[in-house]
């Protein structure tokens, strides 16, 4: 006997009601978890402002510059990176305010294009080296890093040297000139130093790339700060992180000389937990320097001096297309939540288990968030139907005022408002007000990307469980900034001379006016004007790396 379509409505409403209860409960628990982190951040910030900052002198740029340089090895895995590896290496060697370092690029025998690009750079710079993995690629990033580490040890033996610091960088990284100076200052007192990782500037309409701005601003402005405070441990981000020699030697010795776990697509995340197990010290560092720059006046448009905070961090272009973002984020979900669960389990103290819970809850919340949109649409559809047709049959309301579910939904709305406001605050601190306002609608788009990425991660892991075949390096196609875009991250000569009080604003304005007419180098004009000495100019030019 066929079922009347009208009979399906009660079953549909019951299903929606049950789904609403499930979604509301999950969102409430996750919201309370996020609120706890936010409260911890607020209390910690207040404590530092009242009791710490007034008592201790802040770290300065001169502290970094005055510290003797230790020998650094930079590890850069490269599979199919021919489009970005050459400009990245050129930029790093030319602009880093550090001299005592070597870059080791790991390539594969079957990736001749990347091999050729690295060779071109090697011919120009003595501190750039290539290490070839013994197997065709792609294997995975951990495997490539392990072979780079073995190659570094061979290099040390052949040249009679010992690296004190090991740094992980990716082929798309734009590295602040003082990053390595900061690592050099903190290691070996710390065994792992993680610096913030942020997105390059993006257009307002680039929602896919923009959602990385939002999530990394929140993670590297607030969440990792609390994580380090509560757990005395942080997961490495894979870029912008440095390790002491002691850390590498201890982990390799305890793991049969295998530095990174090849059973994980997020070997950096796994590595941070292993460092804590061995009692090694980790720190997340947000360090900014004050710069004097010339900015156009708001009303007149005339250049004026301004003091800005410049964060010492790593920046990069994150994926701008939907499917590229899904591929990258599915790799993170798979490595952190699924493979991390299998490899790390739930061992550790209470705070470690709590952080593992926060990392793995995405397996549920990434799915539930999108289901929550479906529930909202269903409730709105019922309300709209009754509003348009008040004589229609009134089923019991999906959300009854005064019920327990009603108060849960109100609580969730308040928690959502708090999360939106705090995320916007974090974005504003790093990227300004425009991106802060855009972070609100981008939250919906980010939830859609995370839903697709989680579904893909679960599918890939299920296939691995069925076949036993390791999941290969599902890398992201990278983009490196153009020379014009990189120029924005380099010091300008005039700004540096102003900051050092070697010239005045009036003298700089006069020199810039002459430069427009004469089309000569600014330094030559300033020397000719007699306002700066040649020795001071040469020293300033060595810092700008222009």
Protein backbone atom coordinates (compact mmCIF):
# COMPACT_ATOMS: atom_id res chain seq x y z
CA UNK A 1 0.00 0.00 0.00
CA UNK A 2 1.62 3.32 -1.06
CA UNK A 3 2.34 5.87 1.65
CA UNK A 4 0.60 9.22 1.38
CA UNK A 5 3.11 12.01 0.97
CA UNK A 6 1.44 13.87 3.82
CA UNK A 7 2.34 10.96 6.12
CA UNK A 8 6.04 11.61 5.43
CA UNK A 9 5.91 15.06 6.98
CA UNK A 10 5.71 13.88 10.63
CA UNK A 11 8.62 11.48 10.07
CA UNK A 12 10.62 14.24 8.40
CA UNK A 13 9.93 16.63 11.28
CA UNK A 14 10.88 14.00 13.85
CA UNK A 15 14.15 13.37 11.98
CA UNK A 16 14.87 17.09 11.90
CA UNK A 17 14.13 17.36 15.63
CA UNK A 18 16.51 14.50 16.47
CA UNK A 19 19.15 16.01 14.22
CA UNK A 20 18.67 19.37 15.95
CA UNK A 21 19.22 17.78 19.35
CA UNK A 22 22.40 16.04 18.17
CA UNK A 23 23.79 19.12 16.43
CA UNK A 24 22.96 21.43 19.33
CA UNK A 25 24.61 19.14 21.88
CA UNK A 26 27.83 18.80 19.83
CA UNK A 27 28.00 22.53 19.10
CA UNK A 28 27.43 23.35 22.78
CA UNK A 29 30.25 21.08 23.97
CA UNK A 30 32.61 22.38 21.29
CA UNK A 31 31.61 25.97 22.03
CA UNK A 32 32.30 25.56 25.74
CA UNK A 33 35.68 24.05 24.86
CA UNK A 34 36.53 27.07 22.68
CA UNK A 35 35.25 29.45 25.37
CA UNK A 36 37.61 27.88 27.90
CA UNK A 37 40.57 28.54 25.59
CA UNK A 38 39.41 32.13 25.05
CA UNK A 39 39.07 32.73 28.80
CA UNK A 40 42.56 31.30 29.37
CA UNK A 41 43.93 33.64 26.71
CA UNK A 42 42.23 36.64 28.27
CA UNK A 43 43.45 35.84 31.78
CA UNK A 44 46.98 35.15 30.56
CA UNK A 45 47.08 38.43 28.61
CA UNK A 46 45.84 40.35 31.65
CA UNK A 47 48.39 38.70 33.92
CA UNK A 48 51.25 39.49 31.55
CA UNK A 49 50.17 43.10 31.17
CA UNK A 50 49.89 43.68 34.92
CA UNK A 51 52.69 41.55 36.39
CA UNK A 52 55.18 40.55 33.66
CA UNK A 53 55.65 43.33 31.11
CA UNK A 54 56.26 46.12 33.66
CA UNK A 55 58.99 44.09 35.39
CA UNK A 56 61.00 42.74 32.47
CA UNK A 57 62.66 44.43 29.51
CA UNK A 58 61.25 43.33 26.19
CA UNK A 59 63.45 41.51 23.71
CA UNK A 60 64.87 43.93 21.14
CA UNK A 61 66.26 43.71 17.64
CA UNK A 62 69.70 44.61 18.98
CA UNK A 63 69.59 41.57 21.29
CA UNK A 64 69.17 39.37 18.23
CA UNK A 65 71.83 41.12 16.18
CA UNK A 66 74.35 40.98 19.01
CA UNK A 67 74.15 37.21 19.50
CA UNK A 68 76.98 35.21 17.79
CA UNK A 69 75.69 33.20 14.84
CA UNK A 70 75.49 29.42 15.24
CA UNK A 71 75.70 27.10 12.24
CA UNK A 72 72.20 26.40 10.84
CA UNK A 73 70.98 23.64 8.52
CA UNK A 74 67.74 24.41 6.65
CA UNK A 75 65.74 21.36 5.52
CA UNK A 76 63.49 21.89 2.49
CA UNK A 77 61.67 18.88 1.01
CA UNK A 78 60.76 19.37 -2.66
CA UNK A 79 58.57 17.20 -4.84
CA UNK A 80 57.33 18.79 -8.08
CA UNK A 81 58.34 22.27 -6.92
CA UNK A 82 60.05 23.54 -10.10
CA UNK A 83 57.69 26.54 -10.29
CA UNK A 84 58.69 27.99 -6.90
CA UNK A 85 61.95 26.49 -5.62
CA UNK A 86 64.34 28.79 -7.48
CA UNK A 87 62.76 32.14 -6.46
CA UNK A 88 62.29 30.86 -2.91
CA UNK A 89 65.97 29.95 -2.58
CA UNK A 90 67.12 33.20 -4.19
CA UNK A 91 64.93 35.23 -1.85
CA UNK A 92 66.10 33.36 1.25
CA UNK A 93 69.81 33.70 0.48
CA UNK A 94 69.52 37.38 -0.52
CA UNK A 95 67.27 38.70 2.22
CA UNK A 96 67.94 36.73 5.41
CA UNK A 97 69.88 38.78 7.95
CA UNK A 98 72.05 35.75 8.69
CA UNK A 99 75.22 34.41 7.11
CA UNK A 100 76.11 31.15 8.83
CA UNK A 101 73.56 28.77 7.27
CA UNK A 102 73.25 26.08 4.61
CA UNK A 103 70.07 25.08 2.76
CA UNK A 104 69.57 21.39 1.94
CA UNK A 105 66.89 20.68 -0.66
CA UNK A 106 65.56 17.13 -0.89
CA UNK A 107 64.59 16.06 -4.42
CA UNK A 108 63.64 12.81 -6.18
CA UNK A 109 65.31 10.98 -9.09
CA UNK A 110 62.16 11.18 -11.21
CA UNK A 111 61.66 14.94 -10.71
CA UNK A 112 64.15 16.36 -13.21
CA UNK A 113 62.48 19.79 -13.42
CA UNK A 114 62.92 20.50 -9.71
CA UNK A 115 66.42 19.02 -9.87
CA UNK A 116 67.38 21.45 -12.63
CA UNK A 117 66.01 24.49 -10.79
CA UNK A 118 67.98 23.63 -7.65
CA UNK A 119 71.13 23.09 -9.70
CA UNK A 120 70.83 26.59 -11.18
CA UNK A 121 70.78 28.06 -7.67
CA UNK A 122 73.61 25.80 -6.49
CA UNK A 123 75.87 27.19 -9.22
CA UNK A 124 75.43 30.67 -7.77
CA UNK A 125 75.38 30.05 -4.00
CA UNK A 126 77.85 27.84 -2.13
CA UNK A 127 75.49 27.34 0.80
CA UNK A 128 72.69 25.68 -1.23
CA UNK A 129 72.89 21.90 -1.59
CA UNK A 130 70.75 19.17 -3.10
CA UNK A 131 70.14 15.76 -1.53
CA UNK A 132 68.54 13.10 -3.73
CA UNK A 133 66.19 10.58 -2.12
CA UNK A 134 67.02 6.99 -3.17
CA UNK A 135 63.47 6.21 -4.35
CA UNK A 136 61.25 7.78 -6.98
CA UNK A 137 58.67 10.23 -5.67
CA UNK A 138 56.38 11.03 -4.29
CA UNK A 139 56.87 9.04 -1.10
CA UNK A 140 55.79 11.39 1.69
CA UNK A 141 57.23 14.50 3.29
CA UNK A 142 58.51 12.64 6.35
CA UNK A 143 60.48 10.23 4.17
CA UNK A 144 62.02 13.12 2.24
CA UNK A 145 62.98 14.90 5.46
CA UNK A 146 64.57 11.74 6.84
CA UNK A 147 66.81 11.45 3.77
CA UNK A 148 67.70 15.14 4.00
CA UNK A 149 68.78 14.59 7.60
CA UNK A 150 70.95 11.63 6.59
CA UNK A 151 72.50 13.73 3.83
CA UNK A 152 73.25 16.52 6.31
CA UNK A 153 75.12 14.08 8.54
CA UNK A 154 77.21 12.97 5.56
CA UNK A 155 77.89 16.63 4.71
CA UNK A 156 79.01 17.26 8.29
CA UNK A 157 81.41 14.33 8.20
CA UNK A 158 82.89 15.33 4.85
CA UNK A 159 83.40 18.97 5.87
CA UNK A 160 84.28 18.53 9.55
CA UNK A 161 81.45 20.71 10.87
CA UNK A 162 78.48 20.33 13.21
CA UNK A 163 75.19 22.12 12.75
CA UNK A 164 73.72 23.49 15.97
CA UNK A 165 70.23 24.38 14.69
CA UNK A 166 67.94 22.62 12.22
CA UNK A 167 65.13 24.55 10.53
CA UNK A 168 62.18 23.23 8.51
CA UNK A 169 61.03 25.38 5.59
CA UNK A 170 58.71 24.74 2.65
CA UNK A 171 59.29 25.79 -0.95
CA UNK A 172 56.66 28.54 -0.85
CA UNK A 173 57.83 30.28 2.35
CA UNK A 174 58.56 33.99 2.50
CA UNK A 175 60.85 34.26 5.52
CA UNK A 176 61.24 37.43 7.56
CA UNK A 177 64.90 38.58 7.49
CA UNK A 178 65.20 38.25 11.29
CA UNK A 179 63.69 34.76 11.65
CA UNK A 180 67.01 32.97 11.84
CA UNK A 181 68.43 35.59 14.20
CA UNK A 182 65.51 34.86 16.53
CA UNK A 183 66.09 31.10 16.32
CA UNK A 184 69.78 31.68 16.97
CA UNK A 185 68.99 33.73 20.09
CA UNK A 186 66.65 31.14 21.66
CA UNK A 187 68.41 27.85 20.85
CA UNK A 188 69.85 25.83 22.63
CA UNK A 189 68.02 27.21 25.70
CA UNK A 190 64.93 25.94 23.90
CA UNK A 191 64.87 22.71 21.91
CA UNK A 192 62.06 23.75 19.58
CA UNK A 193 61.01 27.25 18.54
CA UNK A 194 57.84 27.81 16.50
CA UNK A 195 57.22 31.19 14.88
CA UNK A 196 53.83 32.37 13.57
CA UNK A 197 52.81 31.40 10.04
CA UNK A 198 50.50 33.80 8.23
CA UNK A 199 49.03 34.32 4.81
CA UNK A 200 50.27 36.84 2.30
CA UNK A 201 47.85 39.67 1.46
CA UNK A 202 44.71 38.60 -0.38
CA UNK A 203 41.95 40.39 -2.27
CA UNK A 204 38.64 40.84 -0.47
CA UNK A 205 36.81 38.49 -2.84
CA UNK A 206 39.27 35.58 -2.43
CA UNK A 207 37.17 33.71 0.10
CA UNK A 208 38.97 30.37 -0.17
CA UNK A 209 42.41 31.89 0.37
CA UNK A 210 40.89 34.30 2.89
CA UNK A 211 39.63 31.59 5.20
CA UNK A 212 43.29 30.62 5.78
CA UNK A 213 43.86 34.19 6.95
CA UNK A 214 41.12 33.72 9.55
CA UNK A 215 42.14 30.32 10.84
CA UNK A 216 45.88 30.97 11.02
CA UNK A 217 45.30 34.35 12.67
CA UNK A 218 43.24 32.69 15.39
CA UNK A 219 45.58 29.72 15.75
CA UNK A 220 48.87 31.66 15.80
CA UNK A 221 47.67 34.72 17.68
CA UNK A 222 45.65 33.04 20.43
CA UNK A 223 45.30 29.25 20.44
CA UNK A 224 48.98 28.22 20.35
CA UNK A 225 49.78 30.75 23.06
CA UNK A 226 47.25 29.06 25.37
CA UNK A 227 48.34 25.61 24.28
CA UNK A 228 51.94 26.28 25.24
CA UNK A 229 50.86 27.79 28.57
CA UNK A 230 48.64 24.85 29.56
CA UNK A 231 50.54 21.92 28.10
CA UNK A 232 54.13 23.17 27.87
CA UNK A 233 54.10 21.72 24.38
CA UNK A 234 53.04 22.76 20.88
CA UNK A 235 52.72 20.89 17.60
CA UNK A 236 55.29 21.97 15.02
CA UNK A 237 53.79 23.65 11.98
CA UNK A 238 56.36 22.21 9.56
CA UNK A 239 57.48 25.71 8.55
CA UNK A 240 58.89 28.52 10.62
CA UNK A 241 60.10 26.05 13.23
CA UNK A 242 63.62 25.29 14.43
CA UNK A 243 65.11 22.52 16.55
CA UNK A 244 68.25 22.12 18.59
CA UNK A 245 70.77 19.47 17.65
CA UNK A 246 70.04 17.77 20.95
CA UNK A 247 66.35 17.41 20.01
CA UNK A 248 67.14 15.74 16.69
CA UNK A 249 69.72 13.39 18.16
CA UNK A 250 67.48 12.28 21.05
CA UNK A 251 64.44 11.63 18.84
CA UNK A 252 66.47 9.81 16.18
CA UNK A 253 68.18 7.61 18.78
CA UNK A 254 64.86 6.64 20.36
CA UNK A 255 63.30 5.85 16.94
CA UNK A 256 65.90 3.58 15.31
CA UNK A 257 67.63 6.55 13.64
CA UNK A 258 64.38 7.53 11.89
CA UNK A 259 63.79 11.17 12.68
CA UNK A 260 60.25 11.66 11.35
CA UNK A 261 57.45 9.09 11.30
CA UNK A 262 56.66 7.99 7.74
CA UNK A 263 53.30 6.68 8.97
CA UNK A 264 51.95 10.23 9.18
CA UNK A 265 51.15 12.90 6.60
CA UNK A 266 51.68 15.51 9.34
CA UNK A 267 55.10 14.47 10.59
CA UNK A 268 55.66 17.92 12.10
CA UNK A 269 52.59 17.59 14.34
CA UNK A 270 53.70 14.13 15.47
CA UNK A 271 57.23 15.42 16.15
CA UNK A 272 56.07 18.05 18.64
CA UNK A 273 54.44 15.42 20.84
CA UNK A 274 57.55 13.24 20.78
CA UNK A 275 59.66 16.16 21.95
CA UNK A 276 57.47 16.53 25.03
CA UNK A 277 57.72 12.82 25.79
CA UNK A 278 61.50 13.27 26.01
CA UNK A 279 61.21 16.35 28.24
CA UNK A 280 62.54 18.77 25.63
CA UNK A 281 61.62 22.44 25.91
CA UNK A 282 59.31 23.99 23.32
CA UNK A 283 58.20 27.57 22.85
CA UNK A 284 55.89 29.53 20.56
CA UNK A 285 57.27 33.02 19.97
CA UNK A 286 55.40 36.11 18.81
CA UNK A 287 58.08 38.77 18.42
CA UNK A 288 57.60 42.08 16.64
CA UNK A 289 59.97 44.93 15.93
CA UNK A 290 59.03 48.58 15.66
CA UNK A 291 59.73 50.20 12.30
CA UNK A 292 59.64 53.77 11.07
CA UNK A 293 57.91 53.96 7.69
CA UNK A 294 56.54 56.67 5.44
CA UNK A 295 52.77 56.56 5.01
CA UNK A 296 50.46 58.88 3.06
CA UNK A 297 48.39 61.15 5.28
CA UNK A 298 44.70 60.29 5.62
CA UNK A 299 43.48 63.74 4.57
CA UNK A 300 46.36 65.31 2.63
CA UNK A 301 47.95 62.23 1.06
CA UNK A 302 51.39 63.68 1.81
CA UNK A 303 53.98 61.17 3.15
CA UNK A 304 54.48 61.23 6.91
CA UNK A 305 56.46 59.21 9.41
CA UNK A 306 54.64 56.40 11.19
CA UNK A 307 55.70 53.73 13.69
CA UNK A 308 54.45 50.24 12.94
CA UNK A 309 54.83 46.80 14.51
CA UNK A 310 56.41 44.28 12.13
CA UNK A 311 55.89 40.65 13.10
CA UNK A 312 58.84 38.29 12.67
CA UNK A 313 57.09 35.36 11.02
CA UNK A 314 56.79 33.22 7.89
CA UNK A 315 54.25 34.13 5.23
CA UNK A 316 53.04 32.22 2.20
CA UNK A 317 50.31 31.97 -0.37
CA UNK A 318 47.76 29.40 0.74
CA UNK A 319 45.54 27.69 -1.88
CA UNK A 320 43.05 29.96 -3.60
CA UNK A 321 40.90 27.31 -5.32
CA UNK A 322 38.25 25.25 -3.57
CA UNK A 323 39.58 21.80 -4.48
CA UNK A 324 43.18 22.72 -3.72
CA UNK A 325 42.10 23.85 -0.26
CA UNK A 326 40.09 20.66 0.24
CA UNK A 327 43.09 18.51 -0.74
CA UNK A 328 45.41 20.35 1.64
CA UNK A 329 43.02 20.42 4.57
CA UNK A 330 42.06 16.77 4.11
CA UNK A 331 45.75 15.94 4.45
CA UNK A 332 45.85 17.87 7.73
CA UNK A 333 42.69 16.19 9.07
CA UNK A 334 43.97 12.79 8.03
CA UNK A 335 47.40 13.27 9.57
CA UNK A 336 46.43 15.07 12.76
CA UNK A 337 43.10 13.49 13.68
CA UNK A 338 43.15 9.99 12.13
CA UNK A 339 46.81 9.00 11.84
CA UNK A 340 47.57 10.95 15.03
CA UNK A 341 44.91 8.92 16.84
CA UNK A 342 46.43 5.68 15.56
CA UNK A 343 50.08 6.60 16.20
CA UNK A 344 49.88 8.67 19.39
CA UNK A 345 46.78 7.21 21.01
CA UNK A 346 45.68 9.07 24.13
CA UNK A 347 48.89 8.89 26.12
CA UNK A 348 50.22 11.77 28.16
CA UNK A 349 49.07 13.89 31.07
CA UNK A 350 45.64 15.49 31.43
CA UNK A 351 46.53 18.60 29.43
CA UNK A 352 48.06 16.54 26.64
CA UNK A 353 44.90 14.44 26.40
CA UNK A 354 42.83 17.62 26.36
CA UNK A 355 44.87 19.01 23.45
CA UNK A 356 44.52 15.73 21.59
CA UNK A 357 40.77 15.97 22.10
CA UNK A 358 40.75 19.50 20.66
CA UNK A 359 42.72 18.36 17.63
CA UNK A 360 40.49 15.35 16.97
CA UNK A 361 37.09 16.84 17.62
CA UNK A 362 37.19 18.20 14.05
CA UNK A 363 36.23 14.72 12.85
CA UNK A 364 32.80 15.42 14.35
CA UNK A 365 32.49 19.21 14.42
CA UNK A 366 33.51 19.69 10.78
CA UNK A 367 30.59 17.49 9.80
CA UNK A 368 28.12 18.75 12.38
CA UNK A 369 28.66 22.42 11.47
CA UNK A 370 27.29 21.85 7.98
CA UNK A 371 24.44 19.72 9.32
CA UNK A 372 23.62 22.66 11.56
CA UNK A 373 22.99 24.79 8.47
CA UNK A 374 20.51 22.17 7.25
CA UNK A 375 18.69 22.28 10.59
CA UNK A 376 18.49 26.08 10.46
CA UNK A 377 17.08 25.96 6.94
CA UNK A 378 14.51 23.32 7.99
CA UNK A 379 13.32 25.37 10.98
CA UNK A 380 13.10 28.52 8.86
CA UNK A 381 11.18 26.62 6.19
CA UNK A 382 8.57 25.44 8.74
CA UNK A 383 8.20 28.94 10.18
CA UNK A 384 7.90 30.44 6.70
CA UNK A 385 5.25 27.90 5.72
CA UNK A 386 3.11 28.69 8.77
CA UNK A 387 3.55 32.41 8.20
CA UNK A 388 2.43 32.17 4.56
CA UNK A 389 -0.36 29.68 5.31
CA UNK A 390 -1.61 30.17 8.89
CA UNK A 391 -4.55 27.81 8.28
CA UNK A 392 -2.25 24.86 7.59
CA UNK A 393 -2.10 22.00 10.09
CA UNK A 394 0.15 22.94 13.03
CA UNK A 395 2.56 20.17 13.94
CA UNK A 396 4.35 20.36 17.30
CA UNK A 397 7.07 23.07 16.98
CA UNK A 398 10.60 21.94 16.24
CA UNK A 399 11.92 24.44 18.75
CA UNK A 400 9.56 25.16 21.62
CA UNK A 401 10.14 28.33 23.60
CA UNK A 402 11.14 27.62 27.21
CA UNK A 403 12.27 24.03 26.56
CA UNK A 404 15.76 22.75 27.39
CA UNK A 405 16.59 22.69 23.70
CA UNK A 406 15.50 26.32 23.42
CA UNK A 407 18.04 27.38 26.04
CA UNK A 408 20.75 25.24 24.47
CA UNK A 409 20.16 26.99 21.13
CA UNK A 410 20.32 30.40 22.87
CA UNK A 411 23.58 29.40 24.56
CA UNK A 412 24.98 28.25 21.21
CA UNK A 413 24.02 31.57 19.63
CA UNK A 414 25.85 33.46 22.39
CA UNK A 415 28.93 31.23 22.04
CA UNK A 416 28.86 31.70 18.27
CA UNK A 417 28.76 35.47 18.70
CA UNK A 418 31.73 35.33 21.05
CA UNK A 419 33.72 33.15 18.61
CA UNK A 420 32.93 35.44 15.68
CA UNK A 421 34.02 38.52 17.64
CA UNK A 422 37.25 36.99 18.91
CA UNK A 423 38.17 35.59 15.49
CA UNK A 424 37.62 39.03 13.97
CA UNK A 425 39.81 40.51 16.72
CA UNK A 426 42.64 38.08 15.93
CA UNK A 427 42.39 38.79 12.20
CA UNK A 428 42.36 42.55 12.81
CA UNK A 429 45.56 42.34 14.84
CA UNK A 430 47.40 40.71 11.93
CA UNK A 431 45.66 41.79 8.74
CA UNK A 432 43.61 44.90 9.54
CA UNK A 433 39.96 45.87 9.74
CA UNK A 434 38.87 44.94 6.22
CA UNK A 435 39.92 41.32 6.61
CA UNK A 436 38.43 41.28 10.12
CA UNK A 437 34.97 42.15 8.78
CA UNK A 438 35.36 39.66 5.91
CA UNK A 439 36.18 36.89 8.39
CA UNK A 440 32.50 36.81 9.41
CA UNK A 441 31.00 35.63 6.08
CA UNK A 442 34.13 33.58 5.38
CA UNK A 443 33.34 31.44 8.42
CA UNK A 444 30.46 29.83 6.49
CA UNK A 445 32.65 29.15 3.46
CA UNK A 446 35.37 27.76 5.69
CA UNK A 447 32.89 25.32 7.25
CA UNK A 448 31.96 24.08 3.78
CA UNK A 449 35.63 23.51 2.91
CA UNK A 450 36.26 21.73 6.22
CA UNK A 451 33.22 19.48 5.68
CA UNK A 452 34.47 18.39 2.26
CA UNK A 453 38.03 17.95 3.56
CA UNK A 454 36.89 15.78 6.47
CA UNK A 455 34.79 13.56 4.21
CA UNK A 456 37.77 13.14 1.88
CA UNK A 457 40.13 12.39 4.79
CA UNK A 458 37.82 9.70 6.15
CA UNK A 459 37.55 8.18 2.67
CA UNK A 460 41.35 8.11 2.17
CA UNK A 461 41.94 6.60 5.60
CA UNK A 462 39.26 3.96 5.06
CA UNK A 463 40.96 2.96 1.82
CA UNK A 464 44.29 2.72 3.66
CA UNK A 465 42.73 0.44 6.30
CA UNK A 466 41.34 -1.81 3.56
CA UNK A 467 44.48 -2.01 1.40
CA UNK A 468 47.31 -1.36 3.87
CA UNK A 469 49.00 0.87 1.26
CA UNK A 470 50.63 4.00 2.68
CA UNK A 471 49.00 7.26 1.61
CA UNK A 472 51.37 9.11 -0.71
CA UNK A 473 52.41 12.76 -0.61
CA UNK A 474 49.23 14.51 -1.73
CA UNK A 475 51.00 17.85 -2.03
CA UNK A 476 49.55 21.26 -2.77
CA UNK A 477 50.51 23.19 -5.90
CA UNK A 478 52.42 26.16 -4.52
CA UNK A 479 52.70 29.77 -5.65
CA UNK A 480 55.60 32.06 -4.77
CA UNK A 481 55.19 35.86 -4.65
CA UNK A 482 56.45 38.00 -7.51
CA UNK A 483 59.45 40.27 -7.08
CA UNK A 484 57.14 43.28 -6.73
CA UNK A 485 55.17 41.56 -3.96
CA UNK A 486 58.35 40.56 -2.16
CA UNK A 487 59.56 44.14 -2.20
CA UNK A 488 56.83 45.06 0.29
CA UNK A 489 58.49 42.79 2.86
CA UNK A 490 61.96 44.28 2.44
CA UNK A 491 63.33 47.30 4.26
CA UNK A 492 63.41 50.53 2.29
CA UNK A 493 66.61 52.54 2.49
CA UNK A 494 64.91 55.82 3.41
CA UNK A 495 62.89 54.21 6.21
CA UNK A 496 65.98 52.57 7.67
CA UNK A 497 67.97 55.82 7.62
CA UNK A 498 65.06 57.61 9.30
CA UNK A 499 64.78 54.93 11.95
CA UNK A 500 68.49 55.28 12.75
CA UNK A 501 68.15 59.08 12.86
CA UNK A 502 70.81 59.47 10.18
CA UNK A 503 68.53 61.77 8.16
CA UNK A 504 65.41 63.84 8.81
CA UNK A 505 62.01 63.63 7.13
CA UNK A 506 62.67 66.93 5.37
CA UNK A 507 65.98 65.66 3.97
CA UNK A 508 64.34 62.44 2.79
CA UNK A 509 61.51 64.36 1.09
CA UNK A 510 64.06 66.56 -0.69
CA UNK A 511 66.10 63.55 -1.82
CA UNK A 512 63.00 61.71 -3.07
CA UNK A 513 61.93 64.81 -5.01
CA UNK A 514 65.34 64.98 -6.68
CA UNK A 515 65.20 61.24 -7.42
CA UNK A 516 61.96 61.69 -9.37
CA UNK A 517 63.60 64.28 -11.57
CA UNK A 518 67.13 62.88 -11.89
CA UNK A 519 66.29 59.13 -11.89
CA UNK A 520 69.35 58.26 -9.80
CA UNK A 521 69.90 56.01 -6.80
CA UNK A 522 68.60 57.47 -3.55
CA UNK A 523 71.86 56.70 -1.74
CA UNK A 524 73.94 58.61 -4.26
CA UNK A 525 71.68 61.65 -3.92
CA UNK A 526 71.88 61.59 -0.11
CA UNK A 527 75.69 61.40 -0.20
CA UNK A 528 75.82 64.24 -2.70
CA UNK A 529 73.57 66.29 -0.43
CA UNK A 530 76.07 65.70 2.39
CA UNK A 531 73.45 64.39 4.83
CA UNK A 532 74.76 60.82 5.15
CA UNK A 533 78.20 59.24 5.17
CA UNK A 534 79.15 56.52 2.70
CA UNK A 535 80.01 54.06 5.50
CA UNK A 536 76.56 54.52 7.08
CA UNK A 537 74.91 54.06 3.69
CA UNK A 538 76.80 50.82 2.98
CA UNK A 539 75.80 49.44 6.38
CA UNK A 540 72.16 50.35 5.77
CA UNK A 541 72.19 48.78 2.30
CA UNK A 542 73.56 45.53 3.75
CA UNK A 543 70.46 45.35 5.96
CA UNK A 544 67.89 46.21 3.31
CA UNK A 545 69.17 43.46 0.98
CA UNK A 546 67.39 45.32 -1.82
